[in-house]
N, C-alpha and C. Protein backbone atom coordinates (compact mmCIF):
# COMPACT_ATOMS: atom_id res chain seq x y z
N UNK A 1 10.77 16.84 -14.90
CA UNK A 1 11.50 16.90 -13.67
C UNK A 1 12.11 15.54 -13.27
N UNK A 2 11.32 14.46 -13.48
CA UNK A 2 11.80 13.12 -13.13
C UNK A 2 13.06 12.78 -13.96
N UNK A 3 13.05 13.09 -15.24
CA UNK A 3 14.22 12.79 -16.10
C UNK A 3 15.42 13.58 -15.60
N UNK A 4 15.23 14.81 -15.22
CA UNK A 4 16.35 15.65 -14.70
C UNK A 4 16.91 15.04 -13.42
N UNK A 5 16.03 14.62 -12.52
CA UNK A 5 16.50 13.99 -11.29
C UNK A 5 17.28 12.70 -11.57
N UNK A 6 16.84 11.92 -12.50
CA UNK A 6 17.52 10.67 -12.81
C UNK A 6 18.83 10.87 -13.56
N UNK A 7 19.03 12.00 -14.19
CA UNK A 7 20.31 12.29 -14.82
C UNK A 7 21.39 12.65 -13.85
N UNK A 8 21.02 13.08 -12.66
CA UNK A 8 22.00 13.49 -11.65
C UNK A 8 21.86 12.62 -10.43
N UNK A 9 22.86 11.79 -10.13
CA UNK A 9 22.78 10.93 -8.97
C UNK A 9 22.67 11.74 -7.70
N UNK A 10 23.33 12.84 -7.61
CA UNK A 10 23.29 13.68 -6.41
C UNK A 10 21.87 14.22 -6.21
N UNK A 11 21.24 14.78 -7.27
CA UNK A 11 19.92 15.29 -7.16
C UNK A 11 18.90 14.15 -6.80
N UNK A 12 19.04 13.07 -7.48
CA UNK A 12 18.13 11.94 -7.23
C UNK A 12 18.23 11.45 -5.80
N UNK A 13 19.47 11.25 -5.35
CA UNK A 13 19.66 10.74 -3.96
C UNK A 13 19.06 11.73 -2.96
N UNK A 14 19.27 13.03 -3.09
CA UNK A 14 18.74 14.01 -2.23
C UNK A 14 17.21 14.02 -2.25
N UNK A 15 16.66 13.93 -3.43
CA UNK A 15 15.21 13.91 -3.60
C UNK A 15 14.62 12.67 -2.94
N UNK A 16 15.22 11.50 -3.17
CA UNK A 16 14.71 10.25 -2.59
C UNK A 16 14.79 10.26 -1.08
N UNK A 17 15.86 10.84 -0.55
CA UNK A 17 15.99 10.94 0.92
C UNK A 17 14.93 11.87 1.51
N UNK A 18 14.67 12.96 0.81
CA UNK A 18 13.61 13.88 1.28
C UNK A 18 12.25 13.18 1.24
N UNK A 19 12.00 12.48 0.14
CA UNK A 19 10.71 11.72 0.01
C UNK A 19 10.62 10.69 1.17
N UNK A 20 11.67 9.98 1.41
CA UNK A 20 11.67 8.97 2.48
C UNK A 20 11.37 9.60 3.81
N UNK A 21 12.05 10.71 4.11
CA UNK A 21 11.87 11.38 5.38
C UNK A 21 10.42 11.81 5.60
N UNK A 22 9.85 12.45 4.59
CA UNK A 22 8.49 12.93 4.69
C UNK A 22 7.47 11.79 4.81
N UNK A 23 7.63 10.80 3.91
CA UNK A 23 6.64 9.73 3.91
C UNK A 23 6.79 8.73 5.03
N UNK A 24 7.98 8.53 5.55
CA UNK A 24 8.17 7.65 6.67
C UNK A 24 7.51 8.18 7.92
N UNK A 25 7.74 9.49 8.20
CA UNK A 25 7.19 10.13 9.38
C UNK A 25 5.69 10.24 9.26
N UNK A 26 5.20 10.52 8.10
CA UNK A 26 3.77 10.80 7.88
C UNK A 26 2.92 9.55 7.74
N UNK A 27 3.50 8.52 7.06
CA UNK A 27 2.66 7.37 6.68
C UNK A 27 3.30 6.02 7.03
N UNK A 28 4.46 5.95 7.64
CA UNK A 28 5.14 4.69 7.91
C UNK A 28 5.73 4.07 6.65
N UNK A 29 5.98 4.90 5.63
CA UNK A 29 6.51 4.46 4.36
C UNK A 29 7.80 3.63 4.50
N UNK A 30 7.88 2.55 3.72
CA UNK A 30 9.04 1.68 3.73
C UNK A 30 9.92 1.85 2.49
N UNK A 31 9.56 2.81 1.64
CA UNK A 31 10.32 3.10 0.37
C UNK A 31 10.44 1.89 -0.52
N UNK A 32 9.33 1.26 -0.85
CA UNK A 32 9.28 0.12 -1.73
C UNK A 32 9.53 0.52 -3.19
N UNK A 33 9.37 1.82 -3.48
CA UNK A 33 9.56 2.31 -4.85
C UNK A 33 8.34 2.23 -5.70
N UNK A 34 7.27 1.57 -5.20
CA UNK A 34 6.01 1.46 -5.94
C UNK A 34 4.87 1.67 -5.00
N UNK A 35 4.62 2.94 -4.72
CA UNK A 35 3.77 3.38 -3.64
C UNK A 35 2.30 3.03 -3.90
N UNK A 36 1.64 2.55 -2.84
CA UNK A 36 0.21 2.27 -2.86
C UNK A 36 -0.53 3.17 -1.93
N UNK A 37 0.13 4.15 -1.35
CA UNK A 37 -0.52 5.00 -0.35
C UNK A 37 -1.87 5.61 -0.81
N UNK A 38 -1.96 6.14 -2.01
CA UNK A 38 -3.24 6.72 -2.39
C UNK A 38 -4.39 5.72 -2.43
N UNK A 39 -4.07 4.46 -2.64
CA UNK A 39 -5.10 3.44 -2.72
C UNK A 39 -5.33 2.70 -1.40
N UNK A 40 -4.60 3.06 -0.34
CA UNK A 40 -4.72 2.37 0.93
C UNK A 40 -4.97 3.33 2.08
N UNK A 41 -5.69 4.42 1.81
CA UNK A 41 -6.00 5.35 2.88
C UNK A 41 -4.78 5.96 3.49
N UNK A 42 -3.68 6.01 2.76
CA UNK A 42 -2.38 6.57 3.22
C UNK A 42 -1.86 5.79 4.45
N UNK A 43 -2.12 4.51 4.44
CA UNK A 43 -1.53 3.58 5.44
C UNK A 43 -0.63 2.68 4.63
N UNK A 44 0.67 2.68 4.87
CA UNK A 44 1.61 1.93 4.03
C UNK A 44 1.45 0.43 4.25
N UNK A 45 1.01 -0.29 3.21
CA UNK A 45 0.85 -1.74 3.36
C UNK A 45 2.22 -2.47 3.57
N UNK A 46 3.29 -1.88 3.19
CA UNK A 46 4.60 -2.50 3.33
C UNK A 46 5.05 -2.43 4.78
N UNK A 47 4.35 -1.61 5.63
CA UNK A 47 4.69 -1.59 7.06
C UNK A 47 4.04 -2.74 7.77
N UNK A 48 3.16 -3.47 7.10
CA UNK A 48 2.62 -4.69 7.68
C UNK A 48 3.78 -5.67 7.85
N UNK A 49 3.93 -6.34 8.98
CA UNK A 49 5.04 -7.26 9.19
C UNK A 49 5.07 -8.36 8.09
N UNK A 50 3.95 -8.66 7.51
CA UNK A 50 3.90 -9.69 6.46
C UNK A 50 3.98 -9.04 5.08
N UNK A 51 4.01 -7.73 5.04
CA UNK A 51 4.08 -6.95 3.81
C UNK A 51 2.92 -7.31 2.83
N UNK A 52 1.76 -7.40 3.41
CA UNK A 52 0.55 -7.76 2.64
C UNK A 52 0.00 -6.51 1.91
N UNK A 53 -0.06 -6.57 0.60
CA UNK A 53 -0.55 -5.45 -0.17
C UNK A 53 -2.04 -5.59 -0.53
N UNK A 54 -2.69 -6.67 -0.06
CA UNK A 54 -4.07 -6.89 -0.42
C UNK A 54 -4.93 -7.26 0.77
N UNK A 55 -5.03 -6.39 1.69
CA UNK A 55 -5.91 -6.56 2.82
C UNK A 55 -5.31 -7.37 3.98
N UNK A 56 -6.04 -7.38 5.06
CA UNK A 56 -5.49 -8.01 6.30
C UNK A 56 -5.36 -9.55 6.15
N UNK A 57 -4.49 -10.09 6.90
CA UNK A 57 -4.35 -11.53 6.99
C UNK A 57 -5.48 -12.09 7.84
N UNK A 58 -5.59 -13.36 7.91
CA UNK A 58 -6.61 -13.96 8.73
C UNK A 58 -6.41 -13.87 10.23
N UNK A 59 -5.29 -13.29 10.65
CA UNK A 59 -4.95 -13.21 12.06
C UNK A 59 -5.24 -11.93 12.74
N UNK A 60 -5.82 -10.96 12.04
CA UNK A 60 -6.13 -9.71 12.67
C UNK A 60 -7.18 -9.93 13.76
N UNK A 61 -6.99 -9.35 14.94
CA UNK A 61 -7.92 -9.61 16.07
C UNK A 61 -9.20 -8.85 15.88
N UNK A 62 -10.21 -9.20 16.62
CA UNK A 62 -11.48 -8.53 16.57
C UNK A 62 -11.37 -7.07 17.01
N UNK A 63 -10.33 -6.75 17.76
CA UNK A 63 -10.13 -5.37 18.17
C UNK A 63 -9.33 -4.59 17.15
N UNK A 64 -8.85 -5.28 16.08
CA UNK A 64 -8.08 -4.61 15.01
C UNK A 64 -6.59 -4.70 15.23
N UNK A 65 -6.13 -5.48 16.17
CA UNK A 65 -4.69 -5.63 16.46
C UNK A 65 -4.01 -6.52 15.47
N UNK A 66 -2.74 -6.24 15.22
CA UNK A 66 -1.93 -7.04 14.33
C UNK A 66 -1.62 -8.42 14.98
N UNK A 67 -1.63 -9.42 14.17
CA UNK A 67 -1.38 -10.78 14.64
C UNK A 67 0.09 -10.94 15.08
N UNK A 68 1.00 -10.32 14.36
CA UNK A 68 2.44 -10.43 14.64
C UNK A 68 2.83 -9.59 15.80
N UNK A 69 2.35 -8.31 15.83
CA UNK A 69 2.66 -7.37 16.86
C UNK A 69 1.34 -6.91 17.51
N UNK A 70 0.82 -7.70 18.47
CA UNK A 70 -0.50 -7.39 19.06
C UNK A 70 -0.67 -6.05 19.67
N UNK A 71 0.44 -5.39 20.00
CA UNK A 71 0.35 -4.06 20.60
C UNK A 71 0.19 -2.98 19.51
N UNK A 72 0.21 -3.39 18.23
CA UNK A 72 0.04 -2.40 17.13
C UNK A 72 -1.30 -2.68 16.39
N UNK A 73 -1.84 -1.65 15.84
CA UNK A 73 -3.07 -1.76 15.04
C UNK A 73 -2.70 -2.30 13.67
N UNK A 74 -3.54 -3.16 13.14
CA UNK A 74 -3.34 -3.72 11.80
C UNK A 74 -3.35 -2.57 10.76
N UNK A 75 -2.37 -2.57 9.89
CA UNK A 75 -2.27 -1.52 8.85
C UNK A 75 -3.52 -1.50 7.99
N UNK A 76 -4.07 -2.69 7.71
CA UNK A 76 -5.25 -2.72 6.84
C UNK A 76 -6.50 -2.25 7.54
N UNK A 77 -6.62 -2.47 8.83
CA UNK A 77 -7.76 -1.92 9.55
C UNK A 77 -7.68 -0.39 9.48
N UNK A 78 -6.52 0.15 9.68
CA UNK A 78 -6.33 1.59 9.57
C UNK A 78 -6.68 2.05 8.16
N UNK A 79 -6.19 1.33 7.12
CA UNK A 79 -6.46 1.71 5.74
C UNK A 79 -7.96 1.73 5.46
N UNK A 80 -8.70 0.74 5.90
CA UNK A 80 -10.15 0.68 5.68
C UNK A 80 -10.85 1.79 6.41
N UNK A 81 -10.48 2.05 7.66
CA UNK A 81 -11.09 3.12 8.42
C UNK A 81 -10.88 4.47 7.78
N UNK A 82 -9.68 4.70 7.33
CA UNK A 82 -9.38 6.02 6.66
C UNK A 82 -10.13 6.13 5.33
N UNK A 83 -10.16 5.04 4.60
CA UNK A 83 -10.91 5.08 3.33
C UNK A 83 -12.36 5.30 3.54
N UNK A 84 -12.94 4.64 4.53
CA UNK A 84 -14.38 4.86 4.83
C UNK A 84 -14.61 6.31 5.25
N UNK A 85 -13.79 6.88 6.06
CA UNK A 85 -13.99 8.26 6.50
C UNK A 85 -13.84 9.29 5.36
N UNK A 86 -13.09 8.92 4.35
CA UNK A 86 -12.90 9.78 3.17
C UNK A 86 -13.83 9.44 2.03
N UNK A 87 -14.78 8.50 2.28
CA UNK A 87 -15.66 7.99 1.22
C UNK A 87 -14.88 7.48 0.02
N UNK A 88 -13.81 6.72 0.29
CA UNK A 88 -12.92 6.18 -0.76
C UNK A 88 -12.75 4.67 -0.61
N UNK A 89 -13.78 3.99 -0.09
CA UNK A 89 -13.69 2.58 0.17
C UNK A 89 -13.34 1.75 -1.05
N UNK A 90 -13.79 2.14 -2.22
CA UNK A 90 -13.42 1.38 -3.43
C UNK A 90 -11.93 1.34 -3.69
N UNK A 91 -11.22 2.35 -3.24
CA UNK A 91 -9.75 2.35 -3.40
C UNK A 91 -9.09 1.14 -2.73
N UNK A 92 -9.48 0.86 -1.48
CA UNK A 92 -8.83 -0.27 -0.79
C UNK A 92 -9.27 -1.62 -1.31
N UNK A 93 -10.31 -1.63 -2.14
CA UNK A 93 -10.78 -2.87 -2.71
C UNK A 93 -10.08 -3.23 -4.00
N UNK A 94 -9.21 -2.40 -4.51
CA UNK A 94 -8.45 -2.69 -5.73
C UNK A 94 -7.40 -3.76 -5.46
N UNK A 95 -7.22 -4.62 -6.42
CA UNK A 95 -6.21 -5.65 -6.32
C UNK A 95 -4.82 -5.05 -6.52
N UNK A 96 -3.94 -5.17 -5.50
CA UNK A 96 -2.59 -4.67 -5.57
C UNK A 96 -1.71 -5.77 -6.17
N UNK A 97 -1.09 -5.51 -7.29
CA UNK A 97 -0.23 -6.49 -7.87
C UNK A 97 1.11 -6.53 -7.13
N UNK A 98 1.85 -7.61 -7.20
CA UNK A 98 3.16 -7.70 -6.51
C UNK A 98 4.08 -6.61 -6.95
N UNK A 99 4.88 -6.09 -6.03
CA UNK A 99 5.84 -5.07 -6.41
C UNK A 99 7.11 -5.70 -6.97
N UNK A 100 7.85 -4.89 -7.69
CA UNK A 100 9.19 -5.30 -8.19
C UNK A 100 10.21 -4.95 -7.12
N UNK A 101 10.65 -5.94 -6.39
CA UNK A 101 11.57 -5.69 -5.26
C UNK A 101 12.90 -5.05 -5.68
N UNK A 102 13.21 -5.08 -6.96
CA UNK A 102 14.43 -4.41 -7.40
C UNK A 102 14.33 -2.90 -7.30
N UNK A 103 13.12 -2.39 -7.14
CA UNK A 103 12.88 -0.94 -7.00
C UNK A 103 12.95 -0.47 -5.56
N UNK A 104 13.15 -1.35 -4.61
CA UNK A 104 13.22 -1.04 -3.20
C UNK A 104 14.21 0.10 -2.98
N UNK A 105 13.80 1.14 -2.28
CA UNK A 105 14.67 2.26 -1.96
C UNK A 105 14.63 3.38 -3.00
N UNK A 106 13.99 3.11 -4.14
CA UNK A 106 13.88 4.13 -5.17
C UNK A 106 12.76 5.11 -4.82
N UNK A 107 12.80 6.28 -5.44
CA UNK A 107 11.74 7.27 -5.26
C UNK A 107 10.49 6.80 -5.97
N UNK A 108 9.40 6.60 -5.23
CA UNK A 108 8.14 6.19 -5.89
C UNK A 108 7.54 7.38 -6.64
N UNK A 109 7.87 8.60 -6.21
CA UNK A 109 7.36 9.74 -6.96
C UNK A 109 7.98 9.79 -8.33
N UNK A 110 9.26 9.59 -8.43
CA UNK A 110 9.94 9.60 -9.73
C UNK A 110 9.38 8.42 -10.58
N UNK A 111 9.27 7.24 -9.97
CA UNK A 111 8.71 6.10 -10.71
C UNK A 111 7.29 6.35 -11.20
N UNK A 112 6.50 7.05 -10.41
CA UNK A 112 5.15 7.42 -10.79
C UNK A 112 5.20 8.37 -11.98
N UNK A 113 5.99 9.43 -11.87
CA UNK A 113 6.09 10.40 -12.96
C UNK A 113 6.61 9.77 -14.25
N UNK A 114 7.43 8.73 -14.12
CA UNK A 114 7.97 8.06 -15.29
C UNK A 114 7.04 6.95 -15.81
N UNK A 115 5.94 6.74 -15.13
CA UNK A 115 4.94 5.74 -15.59
C UNK A 115 5.30 4.32 -15.26
N UNK A 116 6.19 4.09 -14.33
CA UNK A 116 6.68 2.77 -14.00
C UNK A 116 5.70 1.96 -13.14
N UNK A 117 4.74 2.64 -12.56
CA UNK A 117 3.81 1.92 -11.68
C UNK A 117 2.36 2.02 -12.18
N UNK A 118 2.20 2.24 -13.48
CA UNK A 118 0.85 2.37 -14.02
C UNK A 118 -0.01 1.12 -13.83
N UNK A 119 0.58 -0.04 -13.77
CA UNK A 119 -0.21 -1.27 -13.66
C UNK A 119 -0.09 -1.91 -12.27
N UNK A 120 0.10 -1.09 -11.25
CA UNK A 120 0.25 -1.67 -9.90
C UNK A 120 -1.04 -2.21 -9.31
N UNK A 121 -2.16 -1.66 -9.74
CA UNK A 121 -3.42 -2.16 -9.19
C UNK A 121 -4.47 -2.21 -10.30
N UNK A 122 -5.50 -2.99 -10.04
CA UNK A 122 -6.56 -3.18 -11.01
C UNK A 122 -7.91 -3.14 -10.28
N UNK A 123 -8.92 -2.76 -10.99
CA UNK A 123 -10.27 -2.71 -10.37
C UNK A 123 -10.92 -4.08 -10.43
N UNK A 124 -10.47 -4.95 -11.35
CA UNK A 124 -11.19 -6.20 -11.51
C UNK A 124 -10.30 -7.38 -11.01
N UNK A 125 -10.72 -7.99 -9.91
CA UNK A 125 -10.02 -9.14 -9.41
C UNK A 125 -10.94 -10.36 -9.23
N UNK A 126 -12.21 -10.21 -9.63
CA UNK A 126 -13.17 -11.32 -9.52
C UNK A 126 -13.81 -11.41 -8.15
N UNK A 127 -13.43 -10.59 -7.18
CA UNK A 127 -14.03 -10.65 -5.87
C UNK A 127 -15.04 -9.52 -5.71
N UNK A 128 -15.97 -9.73 -4.82
CA UNK A 128 -16.92 -8.69 -4.54
C UNK A 128 -16.32 -7.76 -3.50
N UNK A 129 -16.87 -6.59 -3.40
CA UNK A 129 -16.41 -5.61 -2.40
C UNK A 129 -16.47 -6.20 -0.95
N UNK A 130 -17.56 -6.89 -0.67
CA UNK A 130 -17.74 -7.49 0.65
C UNK A 130 -16.64 -8.49 0.95
N UNK A 131 -16.28 -9.29 -0.01
CA UNK A 131 -15.26 -10.36 0.22
C UNK A 131 -13.91 -9.67 0.44
N UNK A 132 -13.63 -8.59 -0.26
CA UNK A 132 -12.39 -7.93 -0.09
C UNK A 132 -12.24 -7.30 1.28
N UNK A 133 -13.29 -6.76 1.83
CA UNK A 133 -13.25 -6.09 3.13
C UNK A 133 -13.35 -7.06 4.27
N UNK A 134 -13.85 -8.28 4.04
CA UNK A 134 -14.03 -9.26 5.08
C UNK A 134 -13.36 -10.57 4.62
N UNK A 135 -12.06 -10.70 4.83
CA UNK A 135 -11.33 -11.86 4.30
C UNK A 135 -11.85 -13.17 4.68
N UNK A 136 -12.47 -13.30 5.83
CA UNK A 136 -12.99 -14.61 6.26
C UNK A 136 -14.18 -15.04 5.52
N UNK A 137 -14.79 -14.13 4.70
CA UNK A 137 -16.01 -14.51 3.96
C UNK A 137 -15.69 -14.68 2.48
N UNK A 138 -14.43 -14.66 2.07
CA UNK A 138 -14.11 -14.77 0.66
C UNK A 138 -14.68 -16.07 0.07
N UNK A 139 -14.54 -17.19 0.69
CA UNK A 139 -15.05 -18.43 0.16
C UNK A 139 -16.56 -18.35 -0.05
N UNK A 140 -17.30 -17.89 0.94
CA UNK A 140 -18.74 -17.85 0.85
C UNK A 140 -19.22 -16.81 -0.13
N UNK A 141 -18.53 -15.68 -0.26
CA UNK A 141 -19.00 -14.57 -1.09
C UNK A 141 -18.59 -14.76 -2.55
N UNK A 142 -17.37 -15.20 -2.81
CA UNK A 142 -16.87 -15.20 -4.20
C UNK A 142 -16.91 -16.59 -4.81
N UNK A 143 -17.18 -17.60 -4.06
CA UNK A 143 -17.21 -18.99 -4.60
C UNK A 143 -15.79 -19.58 -4.69
N UNK A 144 -14.83 -18.95 -4.07
CA UNK A 144 -13.46 -19.48 -4.13
C UNK A 144 -13.17 -20.33 -2.93
């Protein structure tokens, strides 16, 4: 199906627009082309004003508010809460590799089906689960 979509610009454009519409309304998707939603409790990390793909920054408030937009909840607090409620906490602990910004606006579903995002995250980053979930303790927990 992905190859067929890519052979027709009209089909691909329509498919990508439909994907964008559904994912933007449902998850705050920014159409980075390399989706991390399944690993982030379906909270789009690219909707973070800093576009952090690996957990909250050091400025998230104790109430879970975003440092940049204090009237909004931190995307990563939402991701951890959702992962905890679904018993999928290990998913948010995976290291998210940098995205290829040339894929911005592309269909992440097509890219997934074509195997273009197979190496977007890894289970081994040298950090403990506790350090990943509590960024202020990384130095004490991991020795970094």
